C-alpha atoms as a PDB file:
ATOM      1  CA  MET A   1      91.352 226.149 139.140  1.00  0.00           C
ATOM      2  CA  SER A   2      88.972 224.395 137.141  1.00  0.00           C
ATOM      3  CA  GLU A   3      89.811 222.518 133.679  1.00  0.00           C
ATOM      4  CA  ARG A   4      87.564 225.223 131.827  1.00  0.00           C
ATOM      5  CA  GLU A   5      89.264 228.115 133.405  1.00  0.00           C
ATOM      6  CA  LYS A   6      92.687 226.511 132.779  1.00  0.00           C
ATOM      7  CA  GLU A   7      91.531 226.487 129.202  1.00  0.00           C
ATOM      8  CA  ARG A   8      90.515 229.831 129.015  1.00  0.00           C
ATOM      9  CA  GLU A   9      93.906 231.127 130.633  1.00  0.00           C
ATOM     10  CA  ALA A  10      95.822 228.999 128.099  1.00  0.00           C
ATOM     11  CA  GLY A  11      93.483 230.635 125.425  1.00  0.00           C
ATOM     12  CA  ARG A  12      94.458 234.115 126.717  1.00  0.00           C
ATOM     13  CA  GLU A  13      98.086 233.315 126.885  1.00  0.00           C
ATOM     14  CA  VAL A  14      98.116 232.065 123.094  1.00  0.00           C
ATOM     15  CA  THR A  15      96.257 235.400 121.970  1.00  0.00           C
ATOM     16  CA  GLN A  16      98.940 237.398 124.069  1.00  0.00           C
ATOM     17  CA  VAL A  17     101.772 235.745 122.244  1.00  0.00           C
ATOM     18  CA  GLY A  18     100.278 236.478 118.780  1.00  0.00           C
ATOM     19  CA  ALA A  19      99.847 240.042 119.816  1.00  0.00           C
ATOM     20  CA  ALA A  20     102.972 240.357 121.642  1.00  0.00           C
ATOM     21  CA  ILE A  21     104.704 239.440 118.232  1.00  0.00           C
ATOM     22  CA  ASP A  22     102.799 242.036 116.441  1.00  0.00           C
ATOM     23  CA  ASP A  23     103.815 244.679 119.028  1.00  0.00           C
ATOM     24  CA  PHE A  24     107.450 243.277 118.871  1.00  0.00           C
ATOM     25  CA  ALA A  25     107.532 243.675 114.879  1.00  0.00           C
ATOM     26  CA  ASP A  26     106.455 247.095 115.318  1.00  0.00           C
ATOM     27  CA  TYR A  27     109.130 247.889 117.929  1.00  0.00           C
ATOM     28  CA  LEU A  28     111.792 246.463 115.581  1.00  0.00           C
ATOM     29  CA  SER A  29     110.880 248.630 112.484  1.00  0.00           C
ATOM     30  CA  LEU A  30     109.605 252.088 114.344  1.00  0.00           C
ATOM     31  CA  VAL A  31     111.958 252.110 117.381  1.00  0.00           C
ATOM     32  CA  LYS A  32     115.001 249.997 116.329  1.00  0.00           C
ATOM     33  CA  GLY A  33     114.821 250.999 112.632  1.00  0.00           C
ATOM     34  CA  ARG A  34     115.151 247.610 111.364  1.00  0.00           C
ATOM     35  CA  SER A  35     114.651 246.771 107.586  1.00  0.00           C
ATOM     36  CA  ALA A  36     111.659 245.455 106.369  1.00  0.00           C
ATOM     37  CA  ALA A  37     113.387 242.355 105.294  1.00  0.00           C
ATOM     38  CA  THR A  38     114.711 241.797 108.948  1.00  0.00           C
ATOM     39  CA  VAL A  39     111.363 242.273 110.467  1.00  0.00           C
ATOM     40  CA  ARG A  40     109.851 239.880 108.145  1.00  0.00           C
ATOM     41  CA  GLY A  41     112.428 237.349 108.812  1.00  0.00           C
ATOM     42  CA  TYR A  42     112.201 237.684 112.603  1.00  0.00           C
ATOM     43  CA  ARG A  43     108.256 237.574 112.315  1.00  0.00           C
ATOM     44  CA  SER A  44     108.499 234.346 110.271  1.00  0.00           C
ATOM     45  CA  ASP A  45     110.885 232.780 112.555  1.00  0.00           C
ATOM     46  CA  LEU A  46     108.899 233.643 115.894  1.00  0.00           C
ATOM     47  CA  ALA A  47     105.769 232.230 114.054  1.00  0.00           C
ATOM     48  CA  THR A  48     107.682 228.863 113.732  1.00  0.00           C
ATOM     49  CA  LEU A  49     108.866 229.297 117.485  1.00  0.00           C
ATOM     50  CA  THR A  50     104.850 229.670 118.720  1.00  0.00           C
ATOM     51  CA  GLU A  51     104.263 226.049 117.423  1.00  0.00           C
ATOM     52  CA  PHE A  52     106.765 224.732 120.029  1.00  0.00           C
ATOM     53  CA  ALA A  53     106.044 227.636 122.412  1.00  0.00           C
ATOM     54  CA  PRO A  54     102.288 228.761 122.183  1.00  0.00           C
ATOM     55  CA  THR A  55     102.306 230.479 125.425  1.00  0.00           C
ATOM     56  CA  PHE A  56     104.678 232.503 127.536  1.00  0.00           C
ATOM     57  CA  ARG A  57     104.355 229.833 129.933  1.00  0.00           C
ATOM     58  CA  SER A  58     106.073 227.286 127.896  1.00  0.00           C
ATOM     59  CA  PHE A  59     108.606 229.833 126.678  1.00  0.00           C
ATOM     60  CA  THR A  60     111.601 227.972 128.146  1.00  0.00           C
ATOM     61  CA  ILE A  61     115.062 227.305 127.421  1.00  0.00           C
ATOM     62  CA  VAL A  62     114.390 223.702 127.057  1.00  0.00           C
ATOM     63  CA  THR A  63     111.548 224.548 124.467  1.00  0.00           C
ATOM     64  CA  LEU A  64     113.663 226.968 122.675  1.00  0.00           C
ATOM     65  CA  ARG A  65     116.632 224.330 122.299  1.00  0.00           C
ATOM     66  CA  SER A  66     113.951 221.807 120.962  1.00  0.00           C
ATOM     67  CA  TRP A  67     112.799 224.380 118.290  1.00  0.00           C
ATOM     68  CA  LEU A  68     116.382 224.911 117.303  1.00  0.00           C
ATOM     69  CA  ALA A  69     117.219 221.248 117.001  1.00  0.00           C
ATOM     70  CA  ASN A  70     114.066 220.958 114.904  1.00  0.00           C
ATOM     71  CA  GLY A  71     115.628 223.446 112.456  1.00  0.00           C
ATOM     72  CA  VAL A  72     118.732 221.240 112.346  1.00  0.00           C
ATOM     73  CA  ASP A  73     116.714 218.260 111.692  1.00  0.00           C
ATOM     74  CA  GLN A  74     114.983 220.232 108.764  1.00  0.00           C
ATOM     75  CA  GLY A  75     118.292 220.700 107.172  1.00  0.00           C
ATOM     76  CA  LEU A  76     118.363 224.457 108.095  1.00  0.00           C
ATOM     77  CA  ALA A  77     121.561 226.369 107.047  1.00  0.00           C
ATOM     78  CA  ARG A  78     123.842 227.554 110.144  1.00  0.00           C
ATOM     79  CA  THR A  79     122.965 231.108 108.723  1.00  0.00           C
ATOM     80  CA  SER A  80     119.030 230.399 109.131  1.00  0.00           C
ATOM     81  CA  LEU A  81     119.800 228.953 112.445  1.00  0.00           C
ATOM     82  CA  ALA A  82     121.823 232.053 113.648  1.00  0.00           C
ATOM     83  CA  ARG A  83     118.927 234.197 112.455  1.00  0.00           C
ATOM     84  CA  ARG A  84     116.366 232.035 114.640  1.00  0.00           C
ATOM     85  CA  THR A  85     118.595 232.394 117.598  1.00  0.00           C
ATOM     86  CA  ALA A  86     118.725 235.955 117.092  1.00  0.00           C
ATOM     87  CA  ALA A  87     115.233 236.570 116.878  1.00  0.00           C
ATOM     88  CA  ALA A  88     114.338 234.527 119.838  1.00  0.00           C
ATOM     89  CA  ARG A  89     117.069 236.415 121.897  1.00  0.00           C
ATOM     90  CA  ALA A  90     115.650 239.690 120.817  1.00  0.00           C
ATOM     91  CA  PHE A  91     112.011 238.782 121.354  1.00  0.00           C
ATOM     92  CA  SER A  92     112.648 237.456 124.878  1.00  0.00           C
ATOM     93  CA  THR A  93     114.602 240.546 125.950  1.00  0.00           C
ATOM     94  CA  TRP A  94     111.695 242.572 124.689  1.00  0.00           C
ATOM     95  CA  ALA A  95     109.141 240.520 126.284  1.00  0.00           C
ATOM     96  CA  TYR A  96     111.179 240.473 129.625  1.00  0.00           C
ATOM     97  CA  ASN A  97     111.256 244.496 129.393  1.00  0.00           C
ATOM     98  CA  HIS A  98     107.504 244.389 128.882  1.00  0.00           C
ATOM     99  CA  GLU A  99     106.664 241.993 131.888  1.00  0.00           C
ATOM    100  CA  TYR A 100     105.558 239.047 129.686  1.00  0.00           C
ATOM    101  CA  LEU A 101     108.427 236.958 130.943  1.00  0.00           C
ATOM    102  CA  ALA A 102     109.704 236.612 134.394  1.00  0.00           C
ATOM    103  CA  SER A 103     113.162 236.452 133.053  1.00  0.00           C
ATOM    104  CA  ASP A 104     115.325 237.005 129.889  1.00  0.00           C
ATOM    105  CA  VAL A 105     114.586 233.294 128.818  1.00  0.00           C
ATOM    106  CA  ALA A 106     116.538 233.033 125.587  1.00  0.00           C
ATOM    107  CA  ALA A 107     119.622 235.079 126.778  1.00  0.00           C
ATOM    108  CA  ARG A 108     121.257 231.715 127.608  1.00  0.00           C
ATOM    109  CA  LEU A 109     121.019 230.572 124.028  1.00  0.00           C
ATOM    110  CA  LYS A 110     124.393 230.450 122.073  1.00  0.00           C
ATOM    111  CA  THR A 111     124.552 231.707 118.267  1.00  0.00           C
ATOM    112  CA  PRO A 112     125.786 228.655 116.209  1.00  0.00           C
ATOM    113  CA  LYS A 113     129.150 229.299 114.699  1.00  0.00           C
ATOM    114  CA  ILE A 114     128.629 230.346 110.948  1.00  0.00           C
ATOM    115  CA  ASN A 115     131.426 228.879 108.520  1.00  0.00           C
ATOM    116  CA  ARG A 116     132.171 232.118 106.560  1.00  0.00           C
ATOM    117  CA  LYS A 117     133.321 231.684 102.985  1.00  0.00           C
ATOM    118  CA  LEU A 118     135.830 234.129 101.525  1.00  0.00           C
ATOM    119  CA  PRO A 119     133.788 236.445  99.232  1.00  0.00           C
ATOM    120  CA  GLN A 120     134.554 236.680  95.504  1.00  0.00           C
ATOM    121  CA  VAL A 121     136.895 239.344  94.679  1.00  0.00           C
ATOM    122  CA  LEU A 122     137.843 240.579  91.095  1.00  0.00           C
ATOM    123  CA  SER A 123     141.057 241.649  89.982  1.00  0.00           C
ATOM    124  CA  THR A 124     141.303 245.216  89.592  1.00  0.00           C
ATOM    125  CA  GLU A 125     141.658 244.837  85.612  1.00  0.00           C
ATOM    126  CA  ARG A 126     138.608 242.541  85.649  1.00  0.00           C
ATOM    127  CA  ALA A 127     136.600 245.036  87.410  1.00  0.00           C
ATOM    128  CA  ALA A 128     137.597 247.752  85.108  1.00  0.00           C
ATOM    129  CA  GLU A 129     136.625 245.903  82.051  1.00  0.00           C
ATOM    130  CA  LEU A 130     133.351 244.962  83.831  1.00  0.00           C
ATOM    131  CA  VAL A 131     132.246 248.435  84.614  1.00  0.00           C
ATOM    132  CA  THR A 132     132.604 249.543  80.966  1.00  0.00           C
ATOM    133  CA  GLN A 133     131.339 246.491  79.136  1.00  0.00           C
ATOM    134  CA  PRO A 134     127.822 246.972  78.963  1.00  0.00           C
ATOM    135  CA  ARG A 135     127.852 249.867  76.669  1.00  0.00           C
ATOM    136  CA  ALA A 136     130.115 248.014  74.350  1.00  0.00           C
ATOM    137  CA  ASN A 137     128.066 244.870  74.219  1.00  0.00           C
ATOM    138  CA  ALA A 138     124.256 246.127  74.649  1.00  0.00           C
ATOM    139  CA  ASP A 139     121.932 245.708  71.900  1.00  0.00           C
ATOM    140  CA  ASN A 140     121.636 249.629  71.644  1.00  0.00           C
ATOM    141  CA  PRO A 141     125.079 250.870  72.806  1.00  0.00           C
ATOM    142  CA  THR A 142     123.986 254.424  73.155  1.00  0.00           C
ATOM    143  CA  GLY A 143     120.371 253.606  74.423  1.00  0.00           C
ATOM    144  CA  PRO A 144     119.165 254.762  77.828  1.00  0.00           C
ATOM    145  CA  GLU A 145     119.200 251.218  79.299  1.00  0.00           C
ATOM    146  CA  ALA A 146     122.670 250.800  78.341  1.00  0.00           C
ATOM    147  CA  VAL A 147     123.970 254.259  79.743  1.00  0.00           C
ATOM    148  CA  ARG A 148     122.011 253.433  83.112  1.00  0.00           C
ATOM    149  CA  ASP A 149     123.554 250.032  83.300  1.00  0.00           C
ATOM    150  CA  GLN A 150     126.935 251.516  82.941  1.00  0.00           C
ATOM    151  CA  ALA A 151     126.370 254.235  85.615  1.00  0.00           C
ATOM    152  CA  MET A 152     125.036 251.636  88.107  1.00  0.00           C
ATOM    153  CA  LEU A 153     127.888 249.178  87.681  1.00  0.00           C
ATOM    154  CA  GLU A 154     130.503 252.314  87.938  1.00  0.00           C
ATOM    155  CA  LEU A 155     128.638 253.372  91.109  1.00  0.00           C
ATOM    156  CA  LEU A 156     128.573 249.955  92.684  1.00  0.00           C
ATOM    157  CA  TYR A 157     132.194 249.323  92.166  1.00  0.00           C
ATOM    158  CA  ALA A 158     133.130 252.983  93.261  1.00  0.00           C
ATOM    159  CA  THR A 159     131.421 253.003  96.503  1.00  0.00           C
ATOM    160  CA  GLY A 160     130.694 249.536  97.632  1.00  0.00           C
ATOM    161  CA  ILE A 161     127.138 250.117  98.540  1.00  0.00           C
ATOM    162  CA  ARG A 162     124.670 247.607  98.749  1.00  0.00           C
ATOM    163  CA  VAL A 163     121.979 246.814  95.965  1.00  0.00           C
ATOM    164  CA  SER A 164     119.210 248.132  98.239  1.00  0.00           C
ATOM    165  CA  GLU A 165     121.077 251.239  98.888  1.00  0.00           C
ATOM    166  CA  LEU A 166     121.512 251.875  95.111  1.00  0.00           C
ATOM    167  CA  THR A 167     117.960 251.145  94.005  1.00  0.00           C
ATOM    168  CA  ASN A 168     116.822 253.973  97.043  1.00  0.00           C
ATOM    169  CA  LEU A 169     119.070 256.484  95.890  1.00  0.00           C
ATOM    170  CA  ASP A 170     117.025 259.783  94.934  1.00  0.00           C
ATOM    171  CA  VAL A 171     118.616 262.109  92.173  1.00  0.00           C
ATOM    172  CA  GLY A 172     118.930 264.734  94.901  1.00  0.00           C
ATOM    173  CA  ASP A 173     120.937 262.344  96.811  1.00  0.00           C
ATOM    174  CA  LEU A 174     123.990 262.949  94.335  1.00  0.00           C
ATOM    175  CA  ASP A 175     126.368 265.777  94.633  1.00  0.00           C
ATOM    176  CA  LEU A 176     128.444 265.470  91.292  1.00  0.00           C
ATOM    177  CA  ASP A 177     130.482 268.552  91.848  1.00  0.00           C
ATOM    178  CA  ARG A 178     131.785 267.096  95.295  1.00  0.00           C
ATOM    179  CA  MET A 179     131.687 263.601  93.823  1.00  0.00           C
ATOM    180  CA  GLN A 180     129.701 262.168  96.644  1.00  0.00           C
ATOM    181  CA  ALA A 181     126.444 260.514  97.446  1.00  0.00           C
ATOM    182  CA  ARG A 182     124.182 260.407 100.442  1.00  0.00           C
ATOM    183  CA  VAL A 183     123.363 256.883 101.112  1.00  0.00           C
ATOM    184  CA  THR A 184     120.428 255.458 103.466  1.00  0.00           C
ATOM    185  CA  GLY A 185     121.663 252.098 104.754  1.00  0.00           C
ATOM    186  CA  LYS A 186     120.490 249.617 107.336  1.00  0.00           C
ATOM    187  CA  GLY A 187     118.320 250.869 110.479  1.00  0.00           C
ATOM    188  CA  ASN A 188     117.732 254.194 108.128  1.00  0.00           C
ATOM    189  CA  LYS A 189     121.343 255.214 108.978  1.00  0.00           C
ATOM    190  CA  GLN A 190     122.568 257.890 106.527  1.00  0.00           C
ATOM    191  CA  ARG A 191     126.173 258.305 105.267  1.00  0.00           C
ATOM    192  CA  VAL A 192     128.143 260.113 102.674  1.00  0.00           C
ATOM    193  CA  VAL A 193     129.892 258.060 100.260  1.00  0.00           C
ATOM    194  CA  PRO A 194     132.524 259.416  97.653  1.00  0.00           C
ATOM    195  CA  PHE A 195     133.155 258.241  94.256  1.00  0.00           C
ATOM    196  CA  GLY A 196     135.513 259.038  91.529  1.00  0.00           C
ATOM    197  CA  LYS A 197     135.849 260.671  87.974  1.00  0.00           C
ATOM    198  CA  GLN A 198     134.724 257.659  86.111  1.00  0.00           C
ATOM    199  CA  ALA A 199     131.679 257.044  88.056  1.00  0.00           C
ATOM    200  CA  ARG A 200     130.925 261.007  87.793  1.00  0.00           C
ATOM    201  CA  LEU A 201     131.092 260.720  83.991  1.00  0.00           C
ATOM    202  CA  ALA A 202     128.771 257.707  83.991  1.00  0.00           C
ATOM    203  CA  LEU A 203     126.337 259.593  86.135  1.00  0.00           C
ATOM    204  CA  ASN A 204     126.404 262.615  84.202  1.00  0.00           C
ATOM    205  CA  ALA A 205     125.662 260.652  80.941  1.00  0.00           C
ATOM    206  CA  TRP A 206     122.787 258.917  82.579  1.00  0.00           C
ATOM    207  CA  LEU A 207     121.400 262.056  83.992  1.00  0.00           C
ATOM    208  CA  ASN A 208     121.833 264.426  80.744  1.00  0.00           C
ATOM    209  CA  HIS A 209     121.428 261.666  77.881  1.00  0.00           C
ATOM    210  CA  GLY A 210     119.436 258.696  79.180  1.00  0.00           C
ATOM    211  CA  ARG A 211     117.178 259.179  82.323  1.00  0.00           C
ATOM    212  CA  ASP A 212     114.785 261.645  80.994  1.00  0.00           C
ATOM    213  CA  GLU A 213     113.997 259.327  78.020  1.00  0.00           C
ATOM    214  CA  ILE A 214     112.503 256.503  80.378  1.00  0.00           C
ATOM    215  CA  ALA A 215     111.700 258.157  83.919  1.00  0.00           C
ATOM    216  CA  GLY A 216     108.144 258.820  85.008  1.00  0.00           C
ATOM    217  CA  ASP A 217     107.177 261.341  87.655  1.00  0.00           C
ATOM    218  CA  THR A 218     109.808 259.840  90.387  1.00  0.00           C
ATOM    219  CA  PRO A 219     112.688 261.307  92.139  1.00  0.00           C
ATOM    220  CA  ALA A 220     114.335 257.927  91.592  1.00  0.00           C
ATOM    221  CA  LEU A 221     118.056 258.100  90.428  1.00  0.00           C
ATOM    222  CA  PHE A 222     117.718 254.861  88.607  1.00  0.00           C
ATOM    223  CA  VAL A 223     114.673 253.632  86.792  1.00  0.00           C
ATOM    224  CA  GLY A 224     113.488 250.672  85.031  1.00  0.00           C
ATOM    225  CA  VAL A 225     111.932 250.713  81.524  1.00  0.00           C
ATOM    226  CA  ARG A 226     108.504 251.564  82.826  1.00  0.00           C
ATOM    227  CA  GLY A 227     109.583 254.679  84.191  1.00  0.00           C
ATOM    228  CA  ASN A 228     109.690 253.723  87.821  1.00  0.00           C
ATOM    229  CA  ARG A 229     112.274 253.235  90.523  1.00  0.00           C
ATOM    230  CA  ILE A 230     114.188 250.190  89.528  1.00  0.00           C
ATOM    231  CA  ASP A 231     113.997 246.905  91.383  1.00  0.00           C
ATOM    232  CA  PRO A 232     116.851 245.369  93.111  1.00  0.00           C
ATOM    233  CA  ARG A 233     116.173 242.001  91.180  1.00  0.00           C
ATOM    234  CA  GLN A 234     116.746 243.852  88.051  1.00  0.00           C
ATOM    235  CA  VAL A 235     119.893 245.203  89.071  1.00  0.00           C
ATOM    236  CA  ARG A 236     121.083 241.733  90.170  1.00  0.00           C
ATOM    237  CA  ARG A 237     120.352 240.488  86.555  1.00  0.00           C
ATOM    238  CA  ILE A 238     122.252 243.464  84.903  1.00  0.00           C
ATOM    239  CA  VAL A 239     125.130 242.751  87.119  1.00  0.00           C
ATOM    240  CA  GLU A 240     125.127 238.837  86.369  1.00  0.00           C
ATOM    241  CA  ARG A 241     124.939 239.683  82.698  1.00  0.00           C
ATOM    242  CA  ALA A 242     127.809 241.890  82.794  1.00  0.00           C
ATOM    243  CA  GLY A 243     129.707 239.298  84.434  1.00  0.00           C
ATOM    244  CA  GLN A 244     128.776 236.672  82.042  1.00  0.00           C
ATOM    245  CA  GLU A 245     130.090 239.102  79.289  1.00  0.00           C
ATOM    246  CA  THR A 246     133.360 239.485  81.055  1.00  0.00           C
ATOM    247  CA  ASP A 247     133.881 235.799  82.015  1.00  0.00           C
ATOM    248  CA  VAL A 248     133.048 236.016  85.525  1.00  0.00           C
ATOM    249  CA  PRO A 249     130.064 233.904  86.256  1.00  0.00           C
ATOM    250  CA  HIS A 250     127.569 234.226  88.951  1.00  0.00           C
ATOM    251  CA  LEU A 251     128.598 237.799  89.851  1.00  0.00           C
ATOM    252  CA  THR A 252     126.270 239.587  92.295  1.00  0.00           C
ATOM    253  CA  PRO A 253     126.177 243.330  93.583  1.00  0.00           C
ATOM    254  CA  HIS A 254     127.740 241.985  96.707  1.00  0.00           C
ATOM    255  CA  GLY A 255     130.907 240.789  94.694  1.00  0.00           C
ATOM    256  CA  LEU A 256     131.404 244.303  93.377  1.00  0.00           C
ATOM    257  CA  ARG A 257     131.202 245.390  96.911  1.00  0.00           C
ATOM    258  CA  HIS A 258     133.471 242.927  98.227  1.00  0.00           C
ATOM    259  CA  SER A 259     135.801 243.549  95.235  1.00  0.00           C
ATOM    260  CA  ALA A 260     135.477 247.471  96.209  1.00  0.00           C
ATOM    261  CA  ALA A 261     136.399 246.911  99.840  1.00  0.00           C
ATOM    262  CA  THR A 262     139.606 244.740  99.097  1.00  0.00           C
ATOM    263  CA  HIS A 263     140.708 246.904  96.312  1.00  0.00           C
ATOM    264  CA  LEU A 264     140.650 249.854  98.861  1.00  0.00           C
ATOM    265  CA  LEU A 265     142.595 247.943 101.636  1.00  0.00           C
ATOM    266  CA  GLU A 266     145.083 246.881  98.869  1.00  0.00           C
ATOM    267  CA  GLY A 267     145.658 250.218  98.008  1.00  0.00           C
ATOM    268  CA  GLY A 268     146.442 251.527 101.313  1.00  0.00           C
ATOM    269  CA  ALA A 269     143.264 252.678 102.740  1.00  0.00           C
ATOM    270  CA  ASP A 270     142.492 252.394 106.634  1.00  0.00           C
ATOM    271  CA  LEU A 271     140.225 249.873 107.922  1.00  0.00           C
ATOM    272  CA  ARG A 272     138.085 252.012 109.803  1.00  0.00           C
ATOM    273  CA  LEU A 273     137.478 254.268 106.813  1.00  0.00           C
ATOM    274  CA  VAL A 274     136.636 251.323 104.928  1.00  0.00           C
ATOM    275  CA  GLN A 275     134.302 250.217 107.636  1.00  0.00           C
ATOM    276  CA  GLU A 276     132.695 253.626 107.344  1.00  0.00           C
ATOM    277  CA  LEU A 277     132.218 253.622 103.578  1.00  0.00           C
ATOM    278  CA  LEU A 278     130.442 250.288 103.550  1.00  0.00           C
ATOM    279  CA  GLY A 279     128.125 251.243 106.523  1.00  0.00           C
ATOM    280  CA  HIS A 280     129.341 248.181 108.695  1.00  0.00           C
ATOM    281  CA  SER A 281     128.106 248.659 112.255  1.00  0.00           C
ATOM    282  CA  SER A 282     130.870 246.121 113.652  1.00  0.00           C
ATOM    283  CA  MET A 283     134.703 246.277 112.626  1.00  0.00           C
ATOM    284  CA  GLN A 284     134.372 242.406 112.730  1.00  0.00           C
ATOM    285  CA  THR A 285     132.458 242.446 109.571  1.00  0.00           C
ATOM    286  CA  THR A 286     134.872 244.599 107.769  1.00  0.00           C
ATOM    287  CA  GLN A 287     137.883 242.734 108.917  1.00  0.00           C
ATOM    288  CA  ILE A 288     136.881 239.717 106.686  1.00  0.00           C
ATOM    289  CA  TYR A 289     138.424 241.902 103.638  1.00  0.00           C
ATOM    290  CA  THR A 290     141.850 241.716 105.501  1.00  0.00           C
ATOM    291  CA  HIS A 291     141.834 237.828 105.365  1.00  0.00           C
ATOM    292  CA  VAL A 292     140.695 238.350 101.500  1.00  0.00           C
ATOM    293  CA  SER A 293     143.621 240.369 101.088  1.00  0.00           C
ATOM    294  CA  ALA A 294     145.965 238.191 102.926  1.00  0.00           C
ATOM    295  CA  GLN A 295     144.911 235.352 100.825  1.00  0.00           C
ATOM    296  CA  ARG A 296     145.594 237.255  97.632  1.00  0.00           C
ATOM    297  CA  LEU A 297     148.899 237.977  98.988  1.00  0.00           C
ATOM    298  CA  LYS A 298     149.698 234.240  99.523  1.00  0.00           C
ATOM    299  CA  ASP A 299     148.433 233.511  95.844  1.00  0.00           C
ATOM    300  CA  VAL A 300     150.554 236.077  94.364  1.00  0.00           C
ATOM    301  CA  PHE A 301     153.678 235.119  96.463  1.00  0.00           C
ATOM    302  CA  ALA A 302     153.053 231.337  95.609  1.00  0.00           C
ATOM    303  CA  GLN A 303     153.073 232.324  91.466  1.00  0.00           C
ATOM    304  CA  ALA A 304     156.001 234.909  91.672  1.00  0.00           C
ATOM    305  CA  HIS A 305     158.536 234.226  94.432  1.00  0.00           C
ATOM    306  CA  PRO A 306     161.292 231.730  93.046  1.00  0.00           C
ATOM    307  CA  ARG A 307     161.333 229.906  96.387  1.00  0.00           C
ATOM    308  CA  ALA A 308     157.694 229.606  97.095  1.00  0.00           C
END
């Protein structure tokens, strides 16, 4: 093969990799039902990978390890490196199944261990104070935004749903009589989550005395001041502000999710039921809350037992 033919072949391979990444992203979204955030993250990771492996011929285990090592040199967090590894492995399997690769090269990559921190967990008393605080401290305590904020906080703590799941809820997803909501989680998987009487009261107040005042032509359950579906960033700000007002700095919606799960387990709920409520695909993800409960038990023991 002449040098010009080799250049042409290399050029075709580069184009092929770029097109393959686009097709792979479509596969993740349309076939696997991965979230837009996951698809964006994988696409971004694979874009950096093509700098090390611009052709399928150069897509080797040595190149992949060099790419990950470069991420370490750049100071990437272990979570980012783990996502890079997952992206490469998923793409490698897809490329092998579509005959771009002769073997599933990245299957030999090992995912770096992630040092998982125990999540922040509120006490039941502090959680109860927090979800009722917005109405008491808002500039307009009876205004639609204050009523909305309390309903969102009550629902987040009552159900443990993710902030993205909360913002995607429509009015039609609620069943106030049965006190349950239909939630669409990761991978577009739907589940039904129950909520209690306090959340129902807050939701009723929002639907009957708040939402109509600011909602535009949208089916969204929670809306912003312009009447459109509320943005997750705005919800995070509302939760953080509520935390500051109750001396819980840097509180996030995920902190309420952690608290809800932990309080359920401490109250005697079965781990598998908590897994279903939270929408975890793996029991391993849910098991972190057993460690949280165990640590809290140790703390209480240390404070209360005379021979601790």
